[in-house]
């Protein structure tokens, strides 16, 4: 996809040749000639809507979006490199020393420790012993 810089330069040269002076007309003409992707991004900006009477703001926004697109394409072309090239790059680096010295032995299995036993204190105390010996009145509604 061609760079937006060519369109911007051509548009500004045409504006100079035609003598258009009305800012709104310049914005409309510029917007119509933009690449569809750039035009869509400007039209769907979540905030900071561009003024329809300020061509310089439109030029800068379109240029910025095009630069971001070019940078993204460059990033994706590098990340889409062939797997064999990526493996050669990775295997060319020596492993870190700390990793090279570690043995490749699995850790020993973890055995659960038995719970500590409490010493026997005899028969537990019966809290209800005193209640059993005295008679309680029957429960009723109060």
N, C-alpha and C. Protein backbone atom coordinates (compact mmCIF):
# COMPACT_ATOMS: atom_id res chain seq x y z
N UNK A 1 0.85 -1.16 0.00
CA UNK A 1 0.00 0.00 0.00
C UNK A 1 0.90 1.23 0.00
N UNK A 2 0.65 2.17 -0.88
CA UNK A 2 1.51 3.35 -0.96
C UNK A 2 1.38 4.22 0.28
N UNK A 3 2.43 4.99 0.49
CA UNK A 3 2.45 5.88 1.65
C UNK A 3 1.50 7.06 1.45
N UNK A 4 1.00 7.54 2.52
CA UNK A 4 0.08 8.68 2.50
C UNK A 4 0.81 9.98 2.15
N UNK A 5 2.12 9.99 2.38
CA UNK A 5 2.90 11.21 2.10
C UNK A 5 2.73 11.66 0.65
N UNK A 6 2.66 10.71 -0.29
CA UNK A 6 2.50 11.06 -1.70
C UNK A 6 1.17 11.78 -1.92
N UNK A 7 0.11 11.25 -1.32
CA UNK A 7 -1.21 11.88 -1.48
C UNK A 7 -1.22 13.27 -0.86
N UNK A 8 -0.64 13.39 0.32
CA UNK A 8 -0.63 14.69 1.00
C UNK A 8 0.14 15.72 0.17
N UNK A 9 1.31 15.33 -0.34
CA UNK A 9 2.09 16.25 -1.16
C UNK A 9 1.33 16.63 -2.43
N UNK A 10 0.73 15.64 -3.08
CA UNK A 10 -0.03 15.92 -4.31
C UNK A 10 -1.23 16.81 -4.02
N UNK A 11 -1.92 16.55 -2.94
CA UNK A 11 -3.09 17.35 -2.60
C UNK A 11 -2.71 18.79 -2.34
N UNK A 12 -1.65 18.99 -1.57
CA UNK A 12 -1.23 20.36 -1.26
C UNK A 12 -0.75 21.09 -2.52
N UNK A 13 -0.13 20.37 -3.45
CA UNK A 13 0.28 20.99 -4.71
C UNK A 13 -0.95 21.39 -5.53
N UNK A 14 -1.96 20.52 -5.56
CA UNK A 14 -3.19 20.85 -6.28
C UNK A 14 -3.91 22.04 -5.66
N UNK A 15 -3.92 22.10 -4.33
CA UNK A 15 -4.55 23.22 -3.64
C UNK A 15 -3.83 24.51 -4.03
N UNK A 16 -2.52 24.44 -4.08
CA UNK A 16 -1.75 25.62 -4.45
C UNK A 16 -2.05 26.03 -5.89
N UNK A 17 -2.16 25.03 -6.78
CA UNK A 17 -2.45 25.32 -8.19
C UNK A 17 -3.86 25.85 -8.40
N UNK A 18 -4.84 25.31 -7.68
CA UNK A 18 -6.23 25.68 -7.90
C UNK A 18 -6.62 26.96 -7.18
N UNK A 19 -5.92 27.26 -6.12
CA UNK A 19 -6.23 28.48 -5.39
C UNK A 19 -7.41 28.34 -4.43
N UNK A 20 -7.79 27.11 -4.10
CA UNK A 20 -8.86 26.93 -3.11
C UNK A 20 -8.45 27.61 -1.81
N UNK A 21 -9.36 28.33 -1.20
CA UNK A 21 -9.06 29.02 0.05
C UNK A 21 -10.02 28.64 1.17
N UNK A 22 -11.21 28.17 0.82
CA UNK A 22 -12.21 27.85 1.82
C UNK A 22 -11.77 26.61 2.61
N UNK A 23 -11.56 26.72 3.94
CA UNK A 23 -11.08 25.59 4.74
C UNK A 23 -12.03 24.39 4.70
N UNK A 24 -13.33 24.64 4.73
CA UNK A 24 -14.29 23.53 4.72
C UNK A 24 -14.19 22.76 3.41
N UNK A 25 -14.06 23.46 2.29
CA UNK A 25 -13.92 22.81 0.98
C UNK A 25 -12.64 21.99 0.93
N UNK A 26 -11.57 22.52 1.49
CA UNK A 26 -10.29 21.80 1.52
C UNK A 26 -10.42 20.50 2.31
N UNK A 27 -11.08 20.57 3.46
CA UNK A 27 -11.26 19.37 4.28
C UNK A 27 -12.08 18.33 3.54
N UNK A 28 -13.18 18.76 2.92
CA UNK A 28 -14.04 17.81 2.20
C UNK A 28 -13.28 17.16 1.05
N UNK A 29 -12.56 17.94 0.26
CA UNK A 29 -11.79 17.40 -0.87
C UNK A 29 -10.68 16.46 -0.36
N UNK A 30 -10.01 16.86 0.71
CA UNK A 30 -8.94 16.02 1.27
C UNK A 30 -9.50 14.70 1.78
N UNK A 31 -10.61 14.77 2.48
CA UNK A 31 -11.23 13.57 3.05
C UNK A 31 -11.66 12.60 1.95
N UNK A 32 -12.21 13.11 0.86
CA UNK A 32 -12.67 12.25 -0.23
C UNK A 32 -11.52 11.50 -0.89
N UNK A 33 -10.34 12.08 -0.90
CA UNK A 33 -9.21 11.43 -1.56
C UNK A 33 -8.38 10.53 -0.66
N UNK A 34 -8.69 10.50 0.61
CA UNK A 34 -7.91 9.67 1.55
C UNK A 34 -8.11 8.19 1.27
N UNK A 35 -7.10 7.41 1.64
CA UNK A 35 -7.26 5.95 1.59
C UNK A 35 -8.39 5.59 2.52
N UNK A 36 -9.16 4.59 2.15
CA UNK A 36 -10.35 4.24 2.90
C UNK A 36 -10.02 3.90 4.36
N UNK A 37 -8.93 3.18 4.60
CA UNK A 37 -8.56 2.82 5.97
C UNK A 37 -8.26 4.04 6.83
N UNK A 38 -7.55 5.01 6.28
CA UNK A 38 -7.24 6.23 7.02
C UNK A 38 -8.51 7.03 7.24
N UNK A 39 -9.31 7.13 6.21
CA UNK A 39 -10.57 7.86 6.31
C UNK A 39 -11.47 7.25 7.39
N UNK A 40 -11.55 5.94 7.44
CA UNK A 40 -12.37 5.27 8.46
C UNK A 40 -11.83 5.51 9.86
N UNK A 41 -10.53 5.47 10.02
CA UNK A 41 -9.96 5.69 11.35
C UNK A 41 -10.24 7.10 11.85
N UNK A 42 -10.14 8.07 10.97
CA UNK A 42 -10.42 9.44 11.38
C UNK A 42 -11.90 9.59 11.70
N UNK A 43 -12.75 8.98 10.88
CA UNK A 43 -14.20 9.11 11.08
C UNK A 43 -14.67 8.42 12.36
N UNK A 44 -13.96 7.40 12.81
CA UNK A 44 -14.39 6.64 13.99
C UNK A 44 -13.52 6.91 15.21
N UNK A 45 -12.83 8.03 15.22
CA UNK A 45 -12.01 8.38 16.39
C UNK A 45 -12.93 8.48 17.60
N UNK A 46 -12.57 7.81 18.72
CA UNK A 46 -13.46 7.79 19.88
C UNK A 46 -13.61 9.16 20.57
N UNK A 47 -12.66 10.03 20.39
CA UNK A 47 -12.74 11.35 21.01
C UNK A 47 -11.91 12.32 20.18
N UNK A 48 -12.10 13.59 20.40
CA UNK A 48 -11.31 14.60 19.70
C UNK A 48 -11.66 14.72 18.23
N UNK A 49 -12.95 14.78 17.92
CA UNK A 49 -13.37 14.90 16.52
C UNK A 49 -12.67 16.09 15.89
N UNK A 50 -12.17 15.87 14.68
CA UNK A 50 -11.44 16.91 13.98
C UNK A 50 -12.39 17.98 13.45
N UNK A 51 -11.95 19.21 13.50
CA UNK A 51 -12.76 20.33 13.01
C UNK A 51 -12.84 20.27 11.49
N UNK A 52 -14.04 20.45 10.97
CA UNK A 52 -14.26 20.41 9.53
C UNK A 52 -13.74 21.65 8.82
N UNK A 53 -13.25 22.60 9.57
CA UNK A 53 -12.77 23.85 8.98
C UNK A 53 -11.27 24.06 9.23
N UNK A 54 -10.56 22.98 9.60
CA UNK A 54 -9.13 23.10 9.87
C UNK A 54 -8.36 22.04 9.09
N UNK A 55 -7.97 22.35 7.85
CA UNK A 55 -7.29 21.35 7.02
C UNK A 55 -5.97 20.86 7.62
N UNK A 56 -5.25 21.74 8.32
CA UNK A 56 -3.96 21.33 8.90
C UNK A 56 -4.14 20.20 9.92
N UNK A 57 -5.21 20.25 10.70
CA UNK A 57 -5.47 19.19 11.68
C UNK A 57 -5.73 17.88 10.94
N UNK A 58 -6.46 17.93 9.84
CA UNK A 58 -6.73 16.73 9.05
C UNK A 58 -5.44 16.19 8.43
N UNK A 59 -4.59 17.06 7.92
CA UNK A 59 -3.33 16.62 7.33
C UNK A 59 -2.48 15.89 8.37
N UNK A 60 -2.39 16.49 9.56
CA UNK A 60 -1.57 15.88 10.63
C UNK A 60 -2.15 14.55 11.10
N UNK A 61 -3.46 14.48 11.25
CA UNK A 61 -4.09 13.23 11.70
C UNK A 61 -3.90 12.13 10.67
N UNK A 62 -4.09 12.46 9.41
CA UNK A 62 -3.92 11.46 8.35
C UNK A 62 -2.46 11.00 8.28
N UNK A 63 -1.53 11.94 8.43
CA UNK A 63 -0.12 11.58 8.40
C UNK A 63 0.23 10.66 9.57
N UNK A 64 -0.27 11.01 10.77
CA UNK A 64 0.02 10.19 11.95
C UNK A 64 -0.53 8.77 11.79
N UNK A 65 -1.76 8.65 11.32
CA UNK A 65 -2.36 7.32 11.14
C UNK A 65 -1.59 6.53 10.11
N UNK A 66 -1.15 7.18 9.03
CA UNK A 66 -0.38 6.47 8.01
C UNK A 66 0.96 6.01 8.57
N UNK A 67 1.60 6.83 9.39
CA UNK A 67 2.88 6.44 9.99
C UNK A 67 2.70 5.24 10.93
N UNK A 68 1.61 5.24 11.68
CA UNK A 68 1.33 4.10 12.57
C UNK A 68 1.06 2.83 11.76
N UNK A 69 0.37 2.97 10.63
CA UNK A 69 0.11 1.82 9.76
C UNK A 69 1.42 1.26 9.22
N UNK A 70 2.30 2.14 8.76
CA UNK A 70 3.59 1.70 8.22
C UNK A 70 4.43 1.01 9.29
N UNK A 71 4.44 1.56 10.50
CA UNK A 71 5.20 0.94 11.59
C UNK A 71 4.62 -0.43 11.93
N UNK A 72 3.31 -0.54 11.93
CA UNK A 72 2.67 -1.82 12.22
C UNK A 72 2.99 -2.85 11.14
N UNK A 73 2.97 -2.44 9.87
CA UNK A 73 3.32 -3.35 8.79
C UNK A 73 4.76 -3.82 8.91
N UNK A 74 5.66 -2.93 9.29
CA UNK A 74 7.06 -3.32 9.48
C UNK A 74 7.19 -4.31 10.63
N UNK A 75 6.48 -4.07 11.71
CA UNK A 75 6.52 -4.98 12.85
C UNK A 75 6.00 -6.35 12.47
N UNK A 76 4.87 -6.38 11.75
CA UNK A 76 4.28 -7.66 11.37
C UNK A 76 5.16 -8.41 10.38
N UNK A 77 5.85 -7.71 9.49
CA UNK A 77 6.71 -8.41 8.54
C UNK A 77 7.89 -9.06 9.25
N UNK A 78 8.38 -8.44 10.30
CA UNK A 78 9.48 -9.03 11.07
C UNK A 78 8.98 -10.22 11.87
N UNK A 79 7.78 -10.08 12.47
CA UNK A 79 7.27 -11.16 13.31
C UNK A 79 6.78 -12.34 12.48
N UNK A 80 6.54 -12.15 11.18
CA UNK A 80 6.10 -13.25 10.31
C UNK A 80 7.27 -13.93 9.64
N UNK A 81 8.48 -13.75 10.14
CA UNK A 81 9.64 -14.39 9.51
C UNK A 81 9.50 -15.89 9.60
N UNK A 82 10.24 -16.59 8.77
CA UNK A 82 10.12 -18.05 8.71
C UNK A 82 10.56 -18.66 10.02
N UNK A 83 9.91 -19.76 10.42
CA UNK A 83 10.27 -20.38 11.70
C UNK A 83 11.72 -20.84 11.74
N UNK A 84 12.27 -21.33 10.61
CA UNK A 84 13.65 -21.80 10.63
C UNK A 84 14.61 -20.65 10.91
N UNK A 85 14.32 -19.47 10.38
CA UNK A 85 15.18 -18.32 10.65
C UNK A 85 15.09 -17.93 12.12
N UNK A 86 13.89 -18.02 12.68
CA UNK A 86 13.73 -17.69 14.09
C UNK A 86 14.47 -18.70 14.96
N UNK A 87 14.43 -19.97 14.58
CA UNK A 87 15.13 -20.99 15.36
C UNK A 87 16.64 -20.79 15.27
N UNK A 88 17.15 -20.44 14.11
CA UNK A 88 18.58 -20.20 13.97
C UNK A 88 19.01 -19.04 14.85
N UNK A 89 18.19 -18.00 14.91
CA UNK A 89 18.50 -16.85 15.74
C UNK A 89 18.52 -17.23 17.21
N UNK A 90 17.54 -18.02 17.62
CA UNK A 90 17.45 -18.41 19.02
C UNK A 90 18.58 -19.36 19.38
N UNK A 91 18.87 -20.35 18.51
CA UNK A 91 19.90 -21.33 18.85
C UNK A 91 21.30 -20.75 18.74
N UNK A 92 21.47 -19.62 18.07
CA UNK A 92 22.79 -19.02 17.96
C UNK A 92 23.25 -18.41 19.28
N UNK A 93 22.32 -18.06 20.12
CA UNK A 93 22.68 -17.47 21.41
C UNK A 93 23.01 -18.58 22.40
N UNK A 94 24.11 -18.43 23.16
CA UNK A 94 24.39 -19.44 24.18
C UNK A 94 23.40 -19.31 25.33
N UNK A 95 23.09 -20.44 25.97
CA UNK A 95 22.16 -20.36 27.10
C UNK A 95 22.80 -19.61 28.26
N UNK A 96 22.02 -19.00 29.12
CA UNK A 96 22.59 -18.33 30.29
C UNK A 96 23.35 -19.34 31.15
N UNK A 97 24.41 -18.87 31.81
CA UNK A 97 25.25 -19.76 32.60
C UNK A 97 24.48 -20.46 33.71
N UNK A 98 23.57 -19.76 34.35
CA UNK A 98 22.84 -20.37 35.45
C UNK A 98 21.97 -21.52 34.96
N UNK A 99 21.46 -21.44 33.75
CA UNK A 99 20.64 -22.51 33.21
C UNK A 99 21.51 -23.67 32.77
N UNK A 100 22.69 -23.38 32.22
CA UNK A 100 23.56 -24.43 31.71
C UNK A 100 24.09 -25.31 32.84
N UNK A 101 24.22 -24.80 34.05
CA UNK A 101 24.81 -25.56 35.15
C UNK A 101 23.78 -26.36 35.95
N UNK A 102 22.50 -26.10 35.75
CA UNK A 102 21.49 -26.81 36.52
C UNK A 102 21.31 -28.22 35.98
N UNK A 103 21.26 -29.23 36.86
CA UNK A 103 21.00 -30.59 36.38
C UNK A 103 19.53 -30.72 36.00
N UNK A 104 19.27 -31.55 35.04
CA UNK A 104 17.91 -31.78 34.59
C UNK A 104 17.33 -32.99 35.30
N UNK A 105 17.22 -32.90 36.62
CA UNK A 105 16.68 -33.96 37.45
C UNK A 105 15.36 -33.48 38.02
N UNK A 106 14.32 -34.31 37.91
CA UNK A 106 13.04 -33.86 38.47
C UNK A 106 13.13 -33.74 39.99
N UNK A 107 12.38 -32.87 40.58
CA UNK A 107 12.42 -32.72 42.04
C UNK A 107 11.83 -33.96 42.71
N UNK A 108 12.28 -34.26 43.93
CA UNK A 108 11.74 -35.45 44.61
C UNK A 108 10.26 -35.25 44.91
N UNK A 109 9.51 -36.35 44.96
CA UNK A 109 8.08 -36.22 45.26
C UNK A 109 7.88 -35.71 46.69
N UNK A 110 6.87 -34.94 46.86
CA UNK A 110 6.56 -34.37 48.17
C UNK A 110 5.66 -35.36 48.90
N UNK A 111 6.13 -35.78 50.06
CA UNK A 111 5.32 -36.69 50.88
C UNK A 111 4.70 -35.87 52.00
N UNK A 112 3.41 -36.05 52.23
CA UNK A 112 2.77 -35.27 53.29
C UNK A 112 3.28 -35.71 54.66
N UNK A 113 3.52 -34.73 55.51
CA UNK A 113 3.97 -35.03 56.87
C UNK A 113 2.76 -35.43 57.69
N UNK A 114 2.92 -36.42 58.60
CA UNK A 114 1.79 -36.80 59.44
C UNK A 114 1.45 -35.67 60.41
N UNK A 115 0.18 -35.53 60.70
CA UNK A 115 -0.25 -34.50 61.64
C UNK A 115 0.24 -34.86 63.04
N UNK A 116 0.66 -33.87 63.80
CA UNK A 116 1.13 -34.18 65.16
C UNK A 116 -0.05 -34.67 66.01
N UNK A 117 0.23 -35.67 66.81
CA UNK A 117 -0.81 -36.22 67.69
C UNK A 117 -0.73 -35.53 69.04
N UNK A 118 -1.88 -35.31 69.63
CA UNK A 118 -1.90 -34.68 70.95
C UNK A 118 -1.88 -35.79 71.99
N UNK A 119 -1.17 -35.57 73.05
CA UNK A 119 -1.13 -36.61 74.09
C UNK A 119 -2.52 -36.76 74.71
N UNK A 120 -2.84 -37.98 75.08
CA UNK A 120 -4.15 -38.28 75.67
C UNK A 120 -4.26 -37.61 77.02
N UNK A 121 -5.36 -36.90 77.25
CA UNK A 121 -5.56 -36.21 78.51
C UNK A 121 -6.64 -36.92 79.34
N UNK A 122 -6.91 -38.14 79.02
CA UNK A 122 -7.94 -38.85 79.77
C UNK A 122 -9.29 -38.66 79.09
N UNK A 123 -10.36 -38.80 79.85
CA UNK A 123 -11.71 -38.68 79.34
C UNK A 123 -12.05 -37.19 79.25
N UNK A 124 -12.61 -36.78 78.13
CA UNK A 124 -12.95 -35.37 78.04
C UNK A 124 -14.02 -34.99 79.04
N UNK A 125 -14.04 -33.76 79.41
CA UNK A 125 -14.98 -33.28 80.41
C UNK A 125 -16.38 -33.30 79.82
N UNK A 126 -17.34 -33.78 80.61
CA UNK A 126 -18.72 -33.80 80.17
C UNK A 126 -19.39 -32.55 80.71
N UNK A 127 -19.67 -31.61 79.81
CA UNK A 127 -20.22 -30.33 80.22
C UNK A 127 -21.64 -30.49 80.71
N UNK A 128 -22.36 -31.44 80.22
CA UNK A 128 -23.78 -31.60 80.55
C UNK A 128 -24.02 -32.43 81.80
N UNK A 129 -22.98 -32.81 82.55
CA UNK A 129 -23.16 -33.64 83.74
C UNK A 129 -24.03 -32.92 84.76
N UNK A 130 -23.79 -31.65 84.98
CA UNK A 130 -24.56 -30.93 86.00
C UNK A 130 -26.00 -30.76 85.58
N UNK A 131 -26.27 -30.67 84.32
CA UNK A 131 -27.64 -30.50 83.85
C UNK A 131 -28.44 -31.80 83.99
N UNK A 132 -27.78 -32.90 83.89
CA UNK A 132 -28.47 -34.19 83.98
C UNK A 132 -28.99 -34.44 85.39
N UNK A 133 -28.28 -33.97 86.39
CA UNK A 133 -28.65 -34.27 87.76
C UNK A 133 -29.78 -33.39 88.26
N UNK A 134 -29.91 -32.18 87.83
CA UNK A 134 -31.01 -31.36 88.31
C UNK A 134 -32.12 -31.37 87.27
N UNK A 135 -33.29 -31.26 87.74
CA UNK A 135 -34.42 -31.31 86.82
C UNK A 135 -34.73 -29.90 86.34
N UNK A 136 -34.93 -29.81 85.10
CA UNK A 136 -35.24 -28.53 84.49
C UNK A 136 -36.73 -28.47 84.22
N UNK A 137 -37.32 -27.31 84.41
CA UNK A 137 -38.74 -27.19 84.11
C UNK A 137 -38.97 -27.36 82.60
N UNK A 138 -40.12 -27.89 82.25
CA UNK A 138 -40.38 -28.07 80.81
C UNK A 138 -40.44 -26.71 80.13
N UNK A 139 -39.99 -26.73 78.92
CA UNK A 139 -39.99 -25.49 78.15
C UNK A 139 -41.38 -25.24 77.62
N UNK A 140 -41.78 -24.01 77.64
CA UNK A 140 -43.08 -23.67 77.12
C UNK A 140 -43.04 -22.29 76.51
N UNK A 141 -44.15 -21.87 76.05
CA UNK A 141 -44.25 -20.54 75.45
C UNK A 141 -44.39 -19.52 76.56
N UNK A 142 -43.73 -18.45 76.48
CA UNK A 142 -43.81 -17.38 77.47
C UNK A 142 -44.46 -16.19 76.89
